[in-house]
Amino acid sequence: MEESTTREKVLKKIRAALLSKTTNPYPRIDHDTSVYATGDDDSLLVFAEQLTEAGGAFVLCKDDLEFVEAIIKLADQYKWKNFYCCEKGLSTLLNNCAFNHTTEFSAASKADVVISSCECLIARTGTVVFSSQQNTRLAQTAAPVQIVFARASQLAYEIKDAVHWLRHKYSKLPSNITFSTGASRVINLGGETVSGAHTIQQLYVFLIDDTEFGETE
């Protein structure tokens, strides 16, 4: 009986708190303006700098062909053999350039490199945004190296701009949104930061400046 009474008292207090309306003590706070200084820097330059600082690699390409040629050079340099790409459009581009890769899910775990697109890029933090609406979720865990193909028109400056991008693109936000900034990092027991401890050990972002060269998505 005592337990029931105590429960009723707690619920009564919760109901009262929910019904009670409190006047905002800080009505002049601007919730829309960013707390970070945006400056006059080009978003593409900001993204490249932030991604590199986070341990990622940025490569600016003129067109699709230059993108594939750059991957071939990296493959020769680092002796990468097995590539996985599960996206139809991107896989077609690779096939058109006679670039050997697999689209088989069963072979993904043996890949040296995963090649994927992304939803958008966040310039201020050098972050790549993926979602469950793409077929790229496996890219986060399938291989130690991830290559992302993107265009300058996909650049957003802040996280809120990226969310707005997704809201505009989809009628309902994807059930999963992943923000990837450089290689994975953890702090070990000795307080040292270890990169590539889990999932991605190296992240490459190949970007075509379609705002300059007139490419379209």
C-alpha atoms as a PDB file:
ATOM      1  CA  MET A   1       0.000   0.000   0.000  1.00  0.00           C
ATOM      2  CA  GLU A   2       2.825   2.315   0.945  1.00  0.00           C
ATOM      3  CA  GLU A   3       4.539   1.629  -2.401  1.00  0.00           C
ATOM      4  CA  SER A   4       1.360   2.460  -4.320  1.00  0.00           C
ATOM      5  CA  THR A   5       0.925   5.699  -2.411  1.00  0.00           C
ATOM      6  CA  THR A   6       4.519   6.751  -3.054  1.00  0.00           C
ATOM      7  CA  ARG A   7       4.121   5.989  -6.754  1.00  0.00           C
ATOM      8  CA  GLU A   8       0.956   8.074  -6.960  1.00  0.00           C
ATOM      9  CA  LYS A   9       2.707  11.002  -5.269  1.00  0.00           C
ATOM     10  CA  VAL A  10       5.577  10.869  -7.758  1.00  0.00           C
ATOM     11  CA  LEU A  11       3.215  10.689 -10.736  1.00  0.00           C
ATOM     12  CA  LYS A  12       1.178  13.575  -9.344  1.00  0.00           C
ATOM     13  CA  LYS A  13       4.304  15.727  -9.118  1.00  0.00           C
ATOM     14  CA  ILE A  14       5.288  14.807 -12.676  1.00  0.00           C
ATOM     15  CA  ARG A  15       1.826  15.724 -14.001  1.00  0.00           C
ATOM     16  CA  ALA A  16       1.935  19.028 -12.150  1.00  0.00           C
ATOM     17  CA  ALA A  17       5.377  19.814 -13.572  1.00  0.00           C
ATOM     18  CA  LEU A  18       4.229  19.014 -17.113  1.00  0.00           C
ATOM     19  CA  LEU A  19       1.149  21.222 -16.785  1.00  0.00           C
ATOM     20  CA  SER A  20       3.084  24.082 -15.267  1.00  0.00           C
ATOM     21  CA  LYS A  21       4.327  26.696 -17.763  1.00  0.00           C
ATOM     22  CA  THR A  22       7.520  28.561 -16.935  1.00  0.00           C
ATOM     23  CA  THR A  23       8.377  31.875 -18.533  1.00  0.00           C
ATOM     24  CA  ASN A  24      11.600  31.795 -20.521  1.00  0.00           C
ATOM     25  CA  PRO A  25      14.146  33.639 -18.326  1.00  0.00           C
ATOM     26  CA  TYR A  26      16.367  34.364 -21.360  1.00  0.00           C
ATOM     27  CA  PRO A  27      14.029  35.540 -24.144  1.00  0.00           C
ATOM     28  CA  ARG A  28      16.760  37.418 -26.015  1.00  0.00           C
ATOM     29  CA  ILE A  29      18.989  34.414 -26.675  1.00  0.00           C
ATOM     30  CA  ASP A  30      19.543  33.862 -30.398  1.00  0.00           C
ATOM     31  CA  HIS A  31      19.187  30.132 -31.087  1.00  0.00           C
ATOM     32  CA  ASP A  32      19.615  30.461 -34.848  1.00  0.00           C
ATOM     33  CA  THR A  33      22.974  32.197 -35.203  1.00  0.00           C
ATOM     34  CA  SER A  34      26.007  29.912 -35.046  1.00  0.00           C
ATOM     35  CA  VAL A  35      28.262  30.235 -32.003  1.00  0.00           C
ATOM     36  CA  TYR A  36      31.250  29.641 -34.289  1.00  0.00           C
ATOM     37  CA  ALA A  37      32.823  32.396 -36.345  1.00  0.00           C
ATOM     38  CA  THR A  38      32.211  31.577 -40.002  1.00  0.00           C
ATOM     39  CA  GLY A  39      34.677  34.022 -41.534  1.00  0.00           C
ATOM     40  CA  ASP A  40      35.000  34.590 -45.266  1.00  0.00           C
ATOM     41  CA  ASP A  41      36.923  31.403 -46.062  1.00  0.00           C
ATOM     42  CA  ASP A  42      35.754  29.192 -48.891  1.00  0.00           C
ATOM     43  CA  SER A  43      33.849  26.161 -47.574  1.00  0.00           C
ATOM     44  CA  LEU A  44      35.841  23.814 -49.800  1.00  0.00           C
ATOM     45  CA  LEU A  45      39.132  25.110 -48.392  1.00  0.00           C
ATOM     46  CA  VAL A  46      37.824  24.903 -44.823  1.00  0.00           C
ATOM     47  CA  PHE A  47      36.702  21.309 -45.341  1.00  0.00           C
ATOM     48  CA  ALA A  48      40.049  20.284 -46.841  1.00  0.00           C
ATOM     49  CA  GLU A  49      41.970  21.847 -43.934  1.00  0.00           C
ATOM     50  CA  GLN A  50      39.739  20.340 -41.238  1.00  0.00           C
ATOM     51  CA  LEU A  51      39.675  16.865 -42.803  1.00  0.00           C
ATOM     52  CA  THR A  52      43.469  16.853 -43.090  1.00  0.00           C
ATOM     53  CA  GLU A  53      43.842  18.052 -39.500  1.00  0.00           C
ATOM     54  CA  ALA A  54      41.585  15.187 -38.375  1.00  0.00           C
ATOM     55  CA  GLY A  55      43.858  12.665 -40.081  1.00  0.00           C
ATOM     56  CA  GLY A  56      41.940  12.247 -43.323  1.00  0.00           C
ATOM     57  CA  ALA A  57      43.233  12.862 -46.847  1.00  0.00           C
ATOM     58  CA  PHE A  58      41.690  15.288 -49.323  1.00  0.00           C
ATOM     59  CA  VAL A  59      42.072  15.037 -53.096  1.00  0.00           C
ATOM     60  CA  LEU A  60      40.560  17.580 -55.479  1.00  0.00           C
ATOM     61  CA  CYS A  61      39.679  16.157 -58.907  1.00  0.00           C
ATOM     62  CA  LYS A  62      38.698  17.777 -62.189  1.00  0.00           C
ATOM     63  CA  ASP A  63      36.264  15.078 -63.279  1.00  0.00           C
ATOM     64  CA  ASP A  64      35.188  11.423 -62.843  1.00  0.00           C
ATOM     65  CA  LEU A  65      38.093  10.106 -64.922  1.00  0.00           C
ATOM     66  CA  GLU A  66      40.666  11.922 -62.827  1.00  0.00           C
ATOM     67  CA  PHE A  67      39.016  10.437 -59.713  1.00  0.00           C
ATOM     68  CA  VAL A  68      39.489   6.861 -60.981  1.00  0.00           C
ATOM     69  CA  GLU A  69      43.033   7.611 -62.172  1.00  0.00           C
ATOM     70  CA  ALA A  70      43.901   8.911 -58.706  1.00  0.00           C
ATOM     71  CA  ILE A  71      42.604   5.703 -57.087  1.00  0.00           C
ATOM     72  CA  ILE A  72      44.719   3.610 -59.484  1.00  0.00           C
ATOM     73  CA  LYS A  73      47.836   5.571 -58.476  1.00  0.00           C
ATOM     74  CA  LEU A  74      47.076   5.059 -54.780  1.00  0.00           C
ATOM     75  CA  ALA A  75      46.444   1.352 -55.352  1.00  0.00           C
ATOM     76  CA  ASP A  76      49.846   1.010 -57.008  1.00  0.00           C
ATOM     77  CA  GLN A  77      51.505   3.000 -54.230  1.00  0.00           C
ATOM     78  CA  TYR A  78      49.988   1.070 -51.313  1.00  0.00           C
ATOM     79  CA  LYS A  79      49.592  -2.304 -53.068  1.00  0.00           C
ATOM     80  CA  TRP A  80      45.820  -2.374 -52.609  1.00  0.00           C
ATOM     81  CA  LYS A  81      44.296  -5.328 -54.436  1.00  0.00           C
ATOM     82  CA  ASN A  82      40.686  -5.820 -53.325  1.00  0.00           C
ATOM     83  CA  PHE A  83      38.123  -3.058 -53.764  1.00  0.00           C
ATOM     84  CA  TYR A  84      34.468  -3.153 -52.741  1.00  0.00           C
ATOM     85  CA  CYS A  85      31.729  -0.850 -54.012  1.00  0.00           C
ATOM     86  CA  CYS A  86      28.053  -1.574 -53.383  1.00  0.00           C
ATOM     87  CA  GLU A  87      26.553   1.506 -55.053  1.00  0.00           C
ATOM     88  CA  LYS A  88      25.169   0.960 -58.521  1.00  0.00           C
ATOM     89  CA  GLY A  89      25.984   4.389 -59.978  1.00  0.00           C
ATOM     90  CA  LEU A  90      29.506   4.473 -58.585  1.00  0.00           C
ATOM     91  CA  SER A  91      30.127   0.870 -59.595  1.00  0.00           C
ATOM     92  CA  THR A  92      29.045   1.707 -63.160  1.00  0.00           C
ATOM     93  CA  LEU A  93      31.589   4.536 -63.246  1.00  0.00           C
ATOM     94  CA  LEU A  94      34.328   2.148 -62.113  1.00  0.00           C
ATOM     95  CA  ASN A  95      33.277  -0.435 -64.690  1.00  0.00           C
ATOM     96  CA  ASN A  96      33.320   2.167 -67.457  1.00  0.00           C
ATOM     97  CA  CYS A  97      36.932   2.879 -66.529  1.00  0.00           C
ATOM     98  CA  ALA A  98      37.747  -0.867 -66.400  1.00  0.00           C
ATOM     99  CA  PHE A  99      38.545  -0.584 -62.694  1.00  0.00           C
ATOM    100  CA  ASN A 100      38.462  -4.016 -61.060  1.00  0.00           C
ATOM    101  CA  HIS A 101      36.227  -4.213 -57.965  1.00  0.00           C
ATOM    102  CA  THR A 102      33.550  -6.384 -56.404  1.00  0.00           C
ATOM    103  CA  THR A 103      29.950  -5.601 -55.557  1.00  0.00           C
ATOM    104  CA  GLU A 104      29.361  -8.890 -53.739  1.00  0.00           C
ATOM    105  CA  PHE A 105      28.409  -8.451 -50.097  1.00  0.00           C
ATOM    106  CA  SER A 106      30.096 -11.738 -49.174  1.00  0.00           C
ATOM    107  CA  ALA A 107      33.453 -10.408 -50.390  1.00  0.00           C
ATOM    108  CA  ALA A 108      33.243  -7.082 -48.555  1.00  0.00           C
ATOM    109  CA  SER A 109      34.980  -8.332 -45.406  1.00  0.00           C
ATOM    110  CA  LYS A 110      38.065  -9.252 -47.473  1.00  0.00           C
ATOM    111  CA  ALA A 111      38.334  -5.874 -49.175  1.00  0.00           C
ATOM    112  CA  ASP A 112      41.358  -3.630 -48.694  1.00  0.00           C
ATOM    113  CA  VAL A 113      39.347  -0.582 -49.699  1.00  0.00           C
ATOM    114  CA  VAL A 114      35.677   0.406 -49.730  1.00  0.00           C
ATOM    115  CA  ILE A 115      34.593   3.012 -52.279  1.00  0.00           C
ATOM    116  CA  SER A 116      31.372   4.915 -51.582  1.00  0.00           C
ATOM    117  CA  SER A 117      29.559   8.194 -52.008  1.00  0.00           C
ATOM    118  CA  CYS A 118      28.106  10.221 -49.123  1.00  0.00           C
ATOM    119  CA  GLU A 119      25.089  12.338 -48.274  1.00  0.00           C
ATOM    120  CA  CYS A 120      27.019  15.563 -47.743  1.00  0.00           C
ATOM    121  CA  LEU A 121      30.145  17.086 -46.203  1.00  0.00           C
ATOM    122  CA  ILE A 122      30.449  19.402 -43.192  1.00  0.00           C
ATOM    123  CA  ALA A 123      33.114  22.015 -43.859  1.00  0.00           C
ATOM    124  CA  ARG A 124      33.704  23.352 -40.343  1.00  0.00           C
ATOM    125  CA  THR A 125      34.645  19.956 -38.918  1.00  0.00           C
ATOM    126  CA  GLY A 126      35.870  18.113 -42.025  1.00  0.00           C
ATOM    127  CA  THR A 127      33.119  15.550 -41.545  1.00  0.00           C
ATOM    128  CA  VAL A 128      31.562  13.132 -44.037  1.00  0.00           C
ATOM    129  CA  VAL A 129      27.858  12.380 -43.555  1.00  0.00           C
ATOM    130  CA  PHE A 130      26.322   9.004 -44.430  1.00  0.00           C
ATOM    131  CA  SER A 131      22.777   7.749 -43.905  1.00  0.00           C
ATOM    132  CA  SER A 132      20.778   4.530 -43.917  1.00  0.00           C
ATOM    133  CA  GLN A 133      19.091   5.698 -47.134  1.00  0.00           C
ATOM    134  CA  GLN A 134      22.346   4.921 -48.944  1.00  0.00           C
ATOM    135  CA  ASN A 135      23.764   1.460 -49.359  1.00  0.00           C
ATOM    136  CA  THR A 136      26.981   2.571 -47.658  1.00  0.00           C
ATOM    137  CA  ARG A 137      26.495   1.552 -44.032  1.00  0.00           C
ATOM    138  CA  LEU A 138      28.831  -1.422 -44.462  1.00  0.00           C
ATOM    139  CA  ALA A 139      31.526   0.988 -45.601  1.00  0.00           C
ATOM    140  CA  GLN A 140      32.127   1.983 -41.982  1.00  0.00           C
ATOM    141  CA  THR A 141      33.296  -1.494 -40.969  1.00  0.00           C
ATOM    142  CA  ALA A 142      34.134  -3.507 -44.088  1.00  0.00           C
ATOM    143  CA  ALA A 143      37.697  -2.365 -44.788  1.00  0.00           C
ATOM    144  CA  PRO A 144      40.548  -0.442 -43.160  1.00  0.00           C
ATOM    145  CA  VAL A 145      40.571   2.148 -45.958  1.00  0.00           C
ATOM    146  CA  GLN A 146      37.555   4.109 -47.131  1.00  0.00           C
ATOM    147  CA  ILE A 147      37.443   6.224 -50.272  1.00  0.00           C
ATOM    148  CA  VAL A 148      34.571   8.693 -50.520  1.00  0.00           C
ATOM    149  CA  PHE A 149      33.506  10.249 -53.793  1.00  0.00           C
ATOM    150  CA  ALA A 150      31.779  13.635 -53.422  1.00  0.00           C
ATOM    151  CA  ARG A 151      31.097  16.924 -55.144  1.00  0.00           C
ATOM    152  CA  ALA A 152      31.517  20.512 -53.937  1.00  0.00           C
ATOM    153  CA  SER A 153      27.764  21.059 -54.273  1.00  0.00           C
ATOM    154  CA  GLN A 154      27.370  18.625 -51.345  1.00  0.00           C
ATOM    155  CA  LEU A 155      29.223  20.931 -48.944  1.00  0.00           C
ATOM    156  CA  ALA A 156      27.366  22.204 -45.894  1.00  0.00           C
ATOM    157  CA  TYR A 157      29.101  24.496 -43.393  1.00  0.00           C
ATOM    158  CA  GLU A 158      27.600  23.341 -40.091  1.00  0.00           C
ATOM    159  CA  ILE A 159      25.939  20.198 -38.738  1.00  0.00           C
ATOM    160  CA  LYS A 160      22.585  22.006 -38.715  1.00  0.00           C
ATOM    161  CA  ASP A 161      23.056  22.776 -42.429  1.00  0.00           C
ATOM    162  CA  ALA A 162      23.700  19.079 -43.081  1.00  0.00           C
ATOM    163  CA  VAL A 163      20.511  18.138 -41.214  1.00  0.00           C
ATOM    164  CA  HIS A 164      18.601  20.733 -43.245  1.00  0.00           C
ATOM    165  CA  TRP A 165      20.109  19.152 -46.384  1.00  0.00           C
ATOM    166  CA  LEU A 166      18.767  15.742 -45.371  1.00  0.00           C
ATOM    167  CA  ARG A 167      15.340  17.121 -44.468  1.00  0.00           C
ATOM    168  CA  HIS A 168      15.117  18.746 -47.879  1.00  0.00           C
ATOM    169  CA  LYS A 169      16.271  15.592 -49.674  1.00  0.00           C
ATOM    170  CA  TYR A 170      14.003  13.130 -47.847  1.00  0.00           C
ATOM    171  CA  SER A 171      10.400  13.476 -46.694  1.00  0.00           C
ATOM    172  CA  LYS A 172      11.483  11.867 -43.413  1.00  0.00           C
ATOM    173  CA  LEU A 173      14.923  11.887 -41.834  1.00  0.00           C
ATOM    174  CA  PRO A 174      16.812   8.597 -42.325  1.00  0.00           C
ATOM    175  CA  SER A 175      16.694   6.215 -39.370  1.00  0.00           C
ATOM    176  CA  ASN A 176      20.479   6.277 -39.133  1.00  0.00           C
ATOM    177  CA  ILE A 177      22.816   9.210 -39.805  1.00  0.00           C
ATOM    178  CA  THR A 178      26.559   8.666 -39.425  1.00  0.00           C
ATOM    179  CA  PHE A 179      29.145  11.435 -39.065  1.00  0.00           C
ATOM    180  CA  SER A 180      32.685  10.339 -39.937  1.00  0.00           C
ATOM    181  CA  THR A 181      35.656  12.605 -39.280  1.00  0.00           C
ATOM    182  CA  GLY A 182      39.011  11.147 -40.255  1.00  0.00           C
ATOM    183  CA  ALA A 183      40.225   7.763 -39.066  1.00  0.00           C
ATOM    184  CA  SER A 184      38.676   6.170 -35.989  1.00  0.00           C
ATOM    185  CA  ARG A 185      40.448   7.143 -32.775  1.00  0.00           C
ATOM    186  CA  VAL A 186      40.442   5.937 -29.170  1.00  0.00           C
ATOM    187  CA  ILE A 187      42.400   6.842 -26.042  1.00  0.00           C
ATOM    188  CA  ASN A 188      44.210   3.872 -24.516  1.00  0.00           C
ATOM    189  CA  LEU A 189      44.848   3.223 -20.820  1.00  0.00           C
ATOM    190  CA  GLY A 190      48.039   5.242 -21.015  1.00  0.00           C
ATOM    191  CA  GLY A 191      46.144   8.308 -22.189  1.00  0.00           C
ATOM    192  CA  GLU A 192      47.565   8.090 -25.698  1.00  0.00           C
ATOM    193  CA  THR A 193      45.367   8.652 -28.748  1.00  0.00           C
ATOM    194  CA  VAL A 194      45.416   5.660 -31.094  1.00  0.00           C
ATOM    195  CA  SER A 195      44.193   6.165 -34.666  1.00  0.00           C
ATOM    196  CA  GLY A 196      42.567   3.440 -36.706  1.00  0.00           C
ATOM    197  CA  ALA A 197      41.931   1.249 -33.666  1.00  0.00           C
ATOM    198  CA  HIS A 198      38.463   0.348 -34.888  1.00  0.00           C
ATOM    199  CA  THR A 199      36.914   0.367 -38.375  1.00  0.00           C
ATOM    200  CA  ILE A 200      38.446   3.026 -40.659  1.00  0.00           C
ATOM    201  CA  GLN A 201      42.225   3.373 -40.474  1.00  0.00           C
ATOM    202  CA  GLN A 202      42.428   5.821 -43.361  1.00  0.00           C
ATOM    203  CA  LEU A 203      39.785   8.052 -44.931  1.00  0.00           C
ATOM    204  CA  TYR A 204      40.205   9.609 -48.369  1.00  0.00           C
ATOM    205  CA  VAL A 205      37.763  12.158 -49.745  1.00  0.00           C
ATOM    206  CA  PHE A 206      37.962  12.699 -53.499  1.00  0.00           C
ATOM    207  CA  LEU A 207      36.011  15.802 -54.418  1.00  0.00           C
ATOM    208  CA  ILE A 208      35.017  17.215 -57.788  1.00  0.00           C
ATOM    209  CA  ASP A 209      34.470  20.968 -57.728  1.00  0.00           C
ATOM    210  CA  ASP A 210      31.296  20.977 -59.814  1.00  0.00           C
ATOM    211  CA  THR A 211      30.688  24.626 -58.846  1.00  0.00           C
ATOM    212  CA  GLU A 212      33.791  25.557 -60.865  1.00  0.00           C
ATOM    213  CA  PHE A 213      33.838  23.013 -63.644  1.00  0.00           C
ATOM    214  CA  GLY A 214      30.111  22.940 -64.325  1.00  0.00           C
ATOM    215  CA  GLU A 215      29.523  19.294 -63.328  1.00  0.00           C
ATOM    216  CA  THR A 216      26.120  18.253 -62.097  1.00  0.00           C
ATOM    217  CA  GLU A 217      25.099  15.688 -59.512  1.00  0.00           C
END
